[in-house]
Amino acid sequence: MSIEITEEVKNEIFKLISTPGVEIEEIAEKVNLDCKIVMKILEDEFFKHNLDYGRRLCCRY
């Protein structure tokens, strides 16, 4: 079973992850997804843009 994640949900996750003090669990609750799915989205974005050098997202890994 595959879950379709819209761009709006992804943008909301990226917005929330860059907000200081917001935890992964809180993000998952706000967007009504499992924590593992949220982490997979962030992981994919991390590897897609090689954020080791740019760090567009907060360091939560």
N, C-alpha and C. Protein backbone atom coordinates (compact mmCIF):
# COMPACT_ATOMS: atom_id res chain seq x y z
N MET A 1 0.84 -1.17 0.00
CA MET A 1 0.00 0.00 0.00
C MET A 1 0.89 1.24 0.00
N SER A 2 0.65 2.15 -0.92
CA SER A 2 1.45 3.35 -1.07
C SER A 2 0.60 4.57 -0.71
N ILE A 3 1.22 5.51 0.00
CA ILE A 3 0.54 6.74 0.38
C ILE A 3 1.06 7.86 -0.51
N GLU A 4 0.14 8.60 -1.11
CA GLU A 4 0.50 9.72 -1.97
C GLU A 4 0.66 10.97 -1.11
N ILE A 5 1.83 11.57 -1.14
CA ILE A 5 2.13 12.77 -0.36
C ILE A 5 2.12 13.96 -1.32
N THR A 6 1.28 14.94 -1.04
CA THR A 6 1.18 16.11 -1.92
C THR A 6 2.33 17.09 -1.65
N GLU A 7 2.55 17.97 -2.59
CA GLU A 7 3.58 18.99 -2.44
C GLU A 7 3.25 19.94 -1.29
N GLU A 8 1.97 20.19 -1.05
CA GLU A 8 1.58 21.06 0.06
C GLU A 8 2.01 20.46 1.39
N VAL A 9 1.83 19.14 1.54
CA VAL A 9 2.21 18.46 2.78
C VAL A 9 3.73 18.50 2.93
N LYS A 10 4.45 18.24 1.85
CA LYS A 10 5.91 18.29 1.91
C LYS A 10 6.40 19.69 2.28
N ASN A 11 5.80 20.71 1.68
CA ASN A 11 6.19 22.09 2.00
C ASN A 11 5.91 22.41 3.46
N GLU A 12 4.80 21.92 3.98
CA GLU A 12 4.47 22.14 5.39
C GLU A 12 5.50 21.45 6.29
N ILE A 13 5.91 20.24 5.92
CA ILE A 13 6.93 19.53 6.69
C ILE A 13 8.24 20.30 6.69
N PHE A 14 8.66 20.80 5.53
CA PHE A 14 9.91 21.54 5.42
C PHE A 14 9.84 22.84 6.21
N LYS A 15 8.68 23.48 6.18
CA LYS A 15 8.48 24.72 6.94
C LYS A 15 8.58 24.44 8.44
N LEU A 16 7.92 23.37 8.89
CA LEU A 16 7.93 23.04 10.31
C LEU A 16 9.29 22.57 10.79
N ILE A 17 10.02 21.82 9.97
CA ILE A 17 11.33 21.30 10.38
C ILE A 17 12.34 22.43 10.54
N SER A 18 12.13 23.51 9.82
CA SER A 18 13.06 24.65 9.93
C SER A 18 12.68 25.58 11.07
N THR A 19 11.58 25.30 11.77
CA THR A 19 11.16 26.11 12.91
C THR A 19 11.84 25.59 14.17
N PRO A 20 12.57 26.45 14.88
CA PRO A 20 13.25 25.99 16.10
C PRO A 20 12.25 25.50 17.15
N GLY A 21 12.60 24.41 17.80
CA GLY A 21 11.79 23.88 18.89
C GLY A 21 10.71 22.91 18.49
N VAL A 22 10.51 22.68 17.21
CA VAL A 22 9.48 21.75 16.75
C VAL A 22 10.12 20.38 16.54
N GLU A 23 9.56 19.37 17.19
CA GLU A 23 10.07 18.01 17.11
C GLU A 23 9.41 17.24 15.98
N ILE A 24 10.05 16.16 15.55
CA ILE A 24 9.54 15.31 14.47
C ILE A 24 8.15 14.78 14.82
N GLU A 25 7.95 14.38 16.07
CA GLU A 25 6.66 13.85 16.50
C GLU A 25 5.56 14.88 16.35
N GLU A 26 5.87 16.15 16.67
CA GLU A 26 4.89 17.22 16.52
C GLU A 26 4.54 17.46 15.06
N ILE A 27 5.55 17.38 14.20
CA ILE A 27 5.31 17.56 12.76
C ILE A 27 4.40 16.46 12.25
N ALA A 28 4.68 15.22 12.65
CA ALA A 28 3.86 14.08 12.22
C ALA A 28 2.41 14.26 12.65
N GLU A 29 2.19 14.76 13.85
CA GLU A 29 0.82 15.00 14.33
C GLU A 29 0.14 16.10 13.52
N LYS A 30 0.86 17.17 13.22
CA LYS A 30 0.26 18.31 12.51
C LYS A 30 -0.13 17.97 11.08
N VAL A 31 0.65 17.10 10.43
CA VAL A 31 0.34 16.75 9.04
C VAL A 31 -0.37 15.40 8.92
N ASN A 32 -0.70 14.79 10.06
CA ASN A 32 -1.44 13.52 10.12
C ASN A 32 -0.74 12.38 9.37
N LEU A 33 0.56 12.25 9.62
CA LEU A 33 1.34 11.16 9.04
C LEU A 33 2.09 10.46 10.15
N ASP A 34 2.58 9.27 9.86
CA ASP A 34 3.42 8.53 10.79
C ASP A 34 4.81 9.16 10.81
N CYS A 35 5.49 9.06 11.96
CA CYS A 35 6.84 9.62 12.10
C CYS A 35 7.81 9.02 11.08
N LYS A 36 7.66 7.73 10.79
CA LYS A 36 8.55 7.07 9.83
C LYS A 36 8.38 7.66 8.44
N ILE A 37 7.17 8.01 8.07
CA ILE A 37 6.92 8.61 6.75
C ILE A 37 7.54 10.00 6.69
N VAL A 38 7.38 10.78 7.75
CA VAL A 38 7.98 12.12 7.80
C VAL A 38 9.50 12.00 7.70
N MET A 39 10.09 11.08 8.43
CA MET A 39 11.54 10.90 8.38
C MET A 39 12.00 10.45 6.99
N LYS A 40 11.21 9.62 6.32
CA LYS A 40 11.55 9.17 4.96
C LYS A 40 11.54 10.35 3.99
N ILE A 41 10.55 11.24 4.12
CA ILE A 41 10.48 12.43 3.27
C ILE A 41 11.71 13.31 3.50
N LEU A 42 12.06 13.52 4.76
CA LEU A 42 13.24 14.34 5.08
C LEU A 42 14.52 13.67 4.60
N GLU A 43 14.60 12.37 4.74
CA GLU A 43 15.77 11.62 4.27
C GLU A 43 15.93 11.73 2.76
N ASP A 44 14.83 11.58 2.04
CA ASP A 44 14.88 11.70 0.58
C ASP A 44 15.34 13.09 0.16
N GLU A 45 14.83 14.12 0.84
CA GLU A 45 15.21 15.49 0.53
C GLU A 45 16.69 15.72 0.85
N PHE A 46 17.15 15.15 1.94
CA PHE A 46 18.55 15.28 2.34
C PHE A 46 19.48 14.71 1.27
N PHE A 47 19.18 13.49 0.81
CA PHE A 47 20.03 12.85 -0.19
C PHE A 47 19.86 13.48 -1.57
N LYS A 48 18.68 13.97 -1.86
CA LYS A 48 18.41 14.56 -3.17
C LYS A 48 19.23 15.84 -3.38
N HIS A 49 19.39 16.62 -2.32
CA HIS A 49 20.06 17.91 -2.44
C HIS A 49 21.44 17.94 -1.79
N ASN A 50 21.91 16.78 -1.30
CA ASN A 50 23.23 16.70 -0.66
C ASN A 50 23.40 17.81 0.37
N LEU A 51 22.54 17.81 1.38
CA LEU A 51 22.50 18.89 2.34
C LEU A 51 23.65 18.88 3.34
N ASP A 52 24.61 17.97 3.19
CA ASP A 52 25.78 18.00 4.05
C ASP A 52 26.52 19.32 3.90
N TYR A 53 26.47 19.90 2.72
CA TYR A 53 27.21 21.12 2.46
C TYR A 53 26.34 22.37 2.53
N GLY A 54 25.06 22.25 2.23
CA GLY A 54 24.19 23.42 2.21
C GLY A 54 23.42 23.64 3.49
N ARG A 55 22.95 22.58 4.09
CA ARG A 55 22.15 22.63 5.33
C ARG A 55 20.95 23.57 5.21
N ARG A 56 20.07 23.30 4.22
CA ARG A 56 18.84 24.07 4.11
C ARG A 56 17.87 23.73 5.22
N LEU A 57 17.94 22.53 5.75
CA LEU A 57 17.08 22.10 6.83
C LEU A 57 17.86 22.11 8.13
N CYS A 58 17.18 22.21 9.23
CA CYS A 58 17.84 22.16 10.54
C CYS A 58 18.50 20.79 10.73
N CYS A 59 19.49 20.76 11.55
CA CYS A 59 20.23 19.52 11.82
C CYS A 59 19.45 18.69 12.82
N ARG A 60 18.62 17.79 12.34
CA ARG A 60 17.82 16.95 13.22
C ARG A 60 18.13 15.49 13.00
N TYR A 61 19.17 15.18 12.29
CA TYR A 61 19.46 13.79 11.98
C TYR A 61 20.42 13.23 12.99
